[in-house]
Amino acid sequence: MFRLLYIIIFCCFFSLLSVAQDKPALNNDEGTTLNVLYRNEGSGKIYANTRGLGVLYRRGKHITAKTRSFYEIDFQSLKHPKEVKVSGSAQDKKRFVYGKINQVFLLRGSVGMQKVLFAKADNKAVEVRYSYSIGPTLAFAKPYYVQVYRSQNSITGQTSPDVVKFDTESFTQDSVVGRGAFSDGLAETKVYPGASAKFNLSFEYSPYTNLIRAIETGISVDFFPKALPIMARNPAENLVVTFHVGFVFGSKWY
């Protein structure tokens, strides 16, 4: 079930990103006139933050010449600040994080407003905007599986690794030899509902007014009523604060 959910999420995001890129502007000035107001826009964003990587789709509509309302949906990985990858000694050499108990992904849906701080003076200038949004968040926590030596092959005399859920009480770092496959533990995924808020600064530099090309940076705050466990021997988190930077691309139309 959760494997299918992950596949659907990835397919939806890449479809939306391609739609954001391919939407026609439907005008005759080819995006060279500054005083043209496009009422609609669609954009995608690929970003990195202080605790992971993500993709986002945003659909906006002008309320006034300098104010837009929008909705967006984004999906990102969430790592713990204390994660350190160690090289595995198993045959497949998969690196692993000792002490990790859950692999976590966030799915956010938000609505918000974007406003222009400094408009473009000409097509070669940069437009500065700020935006804020709020909405629900779902955290998907998949148990982290590792390869460990626990059994002995009586014929060859060599140990063979078993793929098991990480347990800090049962394993030491020396007994773990690699990471399990991503599919291991998918059926045991738990969902943690929460809420999120974001604030962004956007620097739009496209030379054409019907296209969107921007660098966006900002802060995201996610709150979970039920604390989210990621690393063993570390407190589970109710509040997750991250800083992000990303590349935004898309198009505008009437």
Protein backbone atom coordinates (compact mmCIF):
# COMPACT_ATOMS: atom_id res chain seq x y z
CA MET A 1 0.00 0.00 0.00
CA PHE A 2 2.66 2.53 1.04
CA ARG A 3 4.92 1.51 -1.87
CA LEU A 4 2.08 2.42 -4.25
CA LEU A 5 1.56 5.70 -2.35
CA TYR A 6 5.22 6.69 -2.78
CA ILE A 7 5.07 5.88 -6.51
CA ILE A 8 1.87 7.93 -6.95
CA ILE A 9 3.39 10.93 -5.10
CA PHE A 10 6.54 10.93 -7.27
CA CYS A 11 4.55 10.52 -10.51
CA CYS A 12 2.17 13.34 -9.57
CA PHE A 13 5.00 15.73 -8.75
CA PHE A 14 6.91 15.13 -11.96
CA SER A 15 3.70 15.50 -13.96
CA LEU A 16 2.90 18.81 -12.25
CA LEU A 17 6.45 20.09 -12.79
CA SER A 18 6.20 19.34 -16.52
CA VAL A 19 2.81 21.09 -16.69
CA ALA A 20 4.31 24.17 -14.97
CA GLN A 21 7.03 24.28 -17.60
CA ASP A 22 4.87 23.67 -20.67
CA LYS A 23 1.84 25.95 -20.04
CA PRO A 24 1.54 28.39 -22.99
CA ALA A 25 1.48 32.14 -22.42
CA LEU A 26 -1.08 32.76 -25.23
CA ASN A 27 0.04 36.26 -26.13
CA ASN A 28 1.67 38.04 -29.07
CA ASP A 29 4.39 40.05 -27.34
CA GLU A 30 6.48 36.92 -26.56
CA GLY A 31 7.11 38.08 -23.01
CA THR A 32 9.03 41.24 -23.86
CA THR A 33 6.56 43.85 -22.55
CA LEU A 34 6.76 44.79 -18.85
CA ASN A 35 3.32 46.40 -18.52
CA VAL A 36 1.44 43.19 -19.37
CA LEU A 37 -0.35 41.52 -16.44
CA TYR A 38 -0.67 37.74 -16.61
CA ARG A 39 -3.41 36.64 -14.25
CA ASN A 40 -2.28 33.01 -13.87
CA GLU A 41 0.99 31.25 -13.27
CA GLY A 42 2.22 27.76 -12.58
CA SER A 43 5.67 26.89 -11.31
CA GLY A 44 7.79 24.10 -9.92
CA LYS A 45 10.65 24.25 -7.46
CA ILE A 46 13.57 21.95 -6.71
CA TYR A 47 15.10 22.79 -3.36
CA ALA A 48 17.51 21.79 -0.63
CA ASN A 49 17.04 22.64 3.02
CA THR A 50 18.99 22.15 6.20
CA ARG A 51 17.50 18.68 6.67
CA GLY A 52 16.77 17.26 3.24
CA LEU A 53 15.79 17.68 -0.41
CA GLY A 54 12.41 18.37 -1.96
CA VAL A 55 10.22 19.25 -4.93
CA LEU A 56 7.25 21.63 -5.02
CA TYR A 57 4.42 22.63 -7.36
CA ARG A 58 2.74 26.05 -7.04
CA ARG A 59 -0.28 27.54 -8.82
CA GLY A 60 -0.92 31.26 -8.43
CA LYS A 61 -3.38 33.93 -9.52
CA HIS A 62 -3.10 37.72 -9.42
CA ILE A 63 -5.40 39.62 -7.05
CA THR A 64 -3.80 42.99 -7.85
CA ALA A 65 -0.80 43.96 -9.97
CA LYS A 66 1.58 43.24 -7.08
CA THR A 67 -0.29 40.61 -5.07
CA ARG A 68 -0.91 36.96 -5.86
CA SER A 69 -2.76 34.24 -4.03
CA PHE A 70 -1.48 30.69 -4.49
CA TYR A 71 -1.70 27.10 -3.40
CA GLU A 72 1.18 24.66 -3.40
CA ILE A 73 2.08 21.09 -2.60
CA ASP A 74 5.57 19.82 -1.82
CA PHE A 75 7.32 16.60 -0.90
CA GLN A 76 10.67 16.36 0.86
CA SER A 77 12.95 14.02 2.76
CA LEU A 78 13.67 14.80 6.41
CA LYS A 79 16.97 13.84 8.02
CA HIS A 80 18.09 14.19 11.63
CA PRO A 81 20.88 16.73 12.30
CA LYS A 82 22.99 14.02 13.97
CA GLU A 83 22.89 11.58 11.06
CA VAL A 84 26.33 10.35 9.93
CA LYS A 85 26.65 7.84 7.08
CA VAL A 86 29.05 4.94 7.60
CA SER A 87 30.43 2.73 4.83
CA GLY A 88 28.97 -0.76 4.93
CA SER A 89 31.09 -3.92 4.84
CA ALA A 90 28.39 -6.14 3.32
CA GLN A 91 28.76 -7.37 -0.25
CA ASP A 92 26.61 -4.58 -1.72
CA LYS A 93 28.57 -1.90 0.23
CA LYS A 94 25.45 0.12 1.09
CA ARG A 95 26.20 3.03 3.42
CA PHE A 96 24.05 3.27 6.53
CA VAL A 97 23.25 5.61 9.42
CA TYR A 98 23.85 3.97 12.78
CA GLY A 99 21.12 4.87 15.28
CA LYS A 100 18.48 5.78 12.70
CA ILE A 101 15.09 4.25 13.50
CA ASN A 102 12.85 5.92 10.89
CA GLN A 103 13.29 7.25 7.37
CA VAL A 104 10.96 10.26 7.18
CA PHE A 105 9.28 12.12 4.29
CA LEU A 106 7.03 15.18 4.52
CA LEU A 107 4.04 15.92 2.31
CA ARG A 108 2.74 19.49 2.66
CA GLY A 109 -0.23 21.33 1.22
CA SER A 110 -0.38 25.10 1.66
CA VAL A 111 -2.27 28.23 0.68
CA GLY A 112 -0.72 31.68 0.83
CA MET A 113 -0.01 35.13 -0.55
CA GLN A 114 2.91 36.51 -2.52
CA LYS A 115 3.68 40.23 -2.78
CA VAL A 116 6.17 42.23 -4.82
CA LEU A 117 8.72 44.22 -2.82
CA PHE A 118 10.72 45.64 -5.72
CA ALA A 119 9.34 45.42 -9.26
CA LYS A 120 11.48 45.15 -12.39
CA ALA A 121 12.58 48.41 -14.00
CA ASP A 122 13.43 46.58 -17.23
CA ASN A 123 13.66 43.02 -18.55
CA LYS A 124 17.23 42.59 -17.34
CA ALA A 125 16.44 43.59 -13.75
CA VAL A 126 15.54 41.37 -10.79
CA GLU A 127 12.13 41.40 -9.12
CA VAL A 128 12.08 40.76 -5.37
CA ARG A 129 9.02 39.18 -3.78
CA TYR A 130 8.07 37.75 -0.40
CA SER A 131 5.43 35.16 0.38
CA TYR A 132 3.89 33.36 3.33
CA SER A 133 1.71 30.26 3.54
CA ILE A 134 0.13 27.82 5.99
CA GLY A 135 -1.39 24.37 5.65
CA PRO A 136 -1.44 20.74 6.78
CA THR A 137 1.55 18.39 6.82
CA LEU A 138 1.77 14.61 6.75
CA ALA A 139 4.98 12.92 7.92
CA PHE A 140 5.56 9.39 6.64
CA ALA A 141 7.91 7.50 8.99
CA LYS A 142 9.21 4.26 7.46
CA PRO A 143 11.19 1.98 9.81
CA TYR A 144 14.90 1.93 8.97
CA TYR A 145 16.19 -1.54 8.11
CA VAL A 146 19.83 -2.59 8.30
CA GLN A 147 21.96 -5.63 7.48
CA VAL A 148 23.43 -7.38 10.54
CA TYR A 149 25.40 -10.56 11.20
CA ARG A 150 23.27 -12.82 13.35
CA SER A 151 23.43 -16.28 11.72
CA GLN A 152 26.21 -18.74 10.93
CA ASN A 153 26.31 -20.86 7.79
CA SER A 154 27.37 -24.31 9.02
CA ILE A 155 28.62 -25.43 5.58
CA THR A 156 30.87 -22.53 4.57
CA GLY A 157 31.66 -21.29 8.04
CA GLN A 158 30.92 -17.71 6.91
CA THR A 159 28.37 -15.40 8.40
CA SER A 160 25.53 -14.04 6.20
CA PRO A 161 23.77 -10.75 6.98
CA ASP A 162 20.09 -10.60 7.89
CA VAL A 163 17.95 -7.59 6.99
CA VAL A 164 16.16 -6.43 10.15
CA LYS A 165 14.64 -3.32 11.68
CA PHE A 166 17.24 -1.30 13.53
CA ASP A 167 17.22 -1.85 17.28
CA THR A 168 19.71 0.12 19.34
CA GLU A 169 19.36 -2.33 22.27
CA SER A 170 20.31 -5.37 20.18
CA PHE A 171 22.98 -4.12 17.77
CA THR A 172 26.28 -2.33 18.06
CA GLN A 173 27.85 -0.30 15.27
CA ASP A 174 30.27 -3.17 14.59
CA SER A 175 27.43 -5.67 14.06
CA VAL A 176 25.69 -3.53 11.41
CA VAL A 177 27.25 -4.08 7.97
CA GLY A 178 24.94 -2.18 5.61
CA ARG A 179 21.59 -0.59 4.87
CA GLY A 180 18.50 -2.53 3.87
CA ALA A 181 16.55 -1.86 0.68
CA PHE A 182 14.14 1.08 0.52
CA SER A 183 11.25 -1.37 0.13
CA ASP A 184 12.05 -3.00 3.48
CA GLY A 185 9.56 -1.72 6.05
CA LEU A 186 7.23 0.11 3.63
CA ALA A 187 4.22 -1.81 4.95
CA GLU A 188 5.09 -0.60 8.48
CA THR A 189 5.06 3.11 7.57
CA LYS A 190 3.33 5.31 10.14
CA VAL A 191 1.67 8.65 9.37
CA TYR A 192 2.05 11.66 11.67
CA PRO A 193 -0.35 14.53 10.88
CA GLY A 194 0.73 18.09 11.60
CA ALA A 195 0.70 21.69 10.39
CA SER A 196 3.23 23.87 8.59
CA ALA A 197 4.00 27.54 7.96
CA LYS A 198 6.47 29.05 5.51
CA PHE A 199 8.03 32.40 4.69
CA ASN A 200 9.97 32.93 1.43
CA LEU A 201 12.02 35.58 -0.35
CA SER A 202 12.08 35.20 -4.14
CA PHE A 203 14.46 36.78 -6.66
CA GLU A 204 12.91 36.54 -10.14
CA TYR A 205 15.38 37.16 -12.99
CA SER A 206 13.77 35.85 -16.20
CA PRO A 207 14.31 38.19 -19.20
CA TYR A 208 10.82 37.27 -20.42
CA THR A 209 7.70 38.35 -18.52
CA ASN A 210 5.75 35.22 -19.49
CA LEU A 211 8.34 32.90 -17.92
CA ILE A 212 9.34 32.31 -14.30
CA ARG A 213 12.98 31.83 -13.36
CA ALA A 214 13.83 32.58 -9.74
CA ILE A 215 16.01 31.76 -6.79
CA GLU A 216 13.92 31.32 -3.65
CA THR A 217 15.04 31.09 -0.05
CA GLY A 218 13.15 30.98 3.22
CA ILE A 219 12.16 29.19 6.41
CA SER A 220 9.66 26.39 7.08
CA VAL A 221 8.16 25.42 10.45
CA ASP A 222 6.38 22.08 10.91
CA PHE A 223 4.53 21.13 14.09
CA PHE A 224 3.41 17.60 14.99
CA PRO A 225 1.11 16.98 17.99
CA LYS A 226 2.58 13.48 18.27
CA ALA A 227 6.37 13.67 18.40
CA LEU A 228 8.24 12.36 15.36
CA PRO A 229 11.00 9.79 16.13
CA ILE A 230 13.98 9.68 13.75
CA MET A 231 17.12 8.78 15.74
CA ALA A 232 17.52 6.43 18.68
CA ARG A 233 18.69 7.93 21.99
CA ASN A 234 17.52 11.35 20.81
CA PRO A 235 14.21 12.94 21.75
CA ALA A 236 11.38 12.66 19.24
CA GLU A 237 10.51 16.03 17.69
CA ASN A 238 7.27 17.98 17.84
CA LEU A 239 8.73 21.06 16.14
CA VAL A 240 10.89 20.97 12.99
CA VAL A 241 12.43 24.23 11.71
CA THR A 242 14.34 24.25 8.41
CA PHE A 243 15.93 26.84 6.11
CA HIS A 244 15.79 26.25 2.38
CA VAL A 245 17.02 27.52 -0.99
CA GLY A 246 15.79 26.41 -4.38
CA PHE A 247 15.38 27.06 -8.09
CA VAL A 248 11.89 28.02 -9.33
CA PHE A 249 10.81 27.62 -12.97
CA GLY A 250 7.47 27.98 -14.70
CA SER A 251 5.28 30.11 -16.93
CA LYS A 252 2.50 32.73 -16.86
CA TRP A 253 -0.66 33.08 -18.92
CA TYR A 254 -3.84 35.18 -19.11
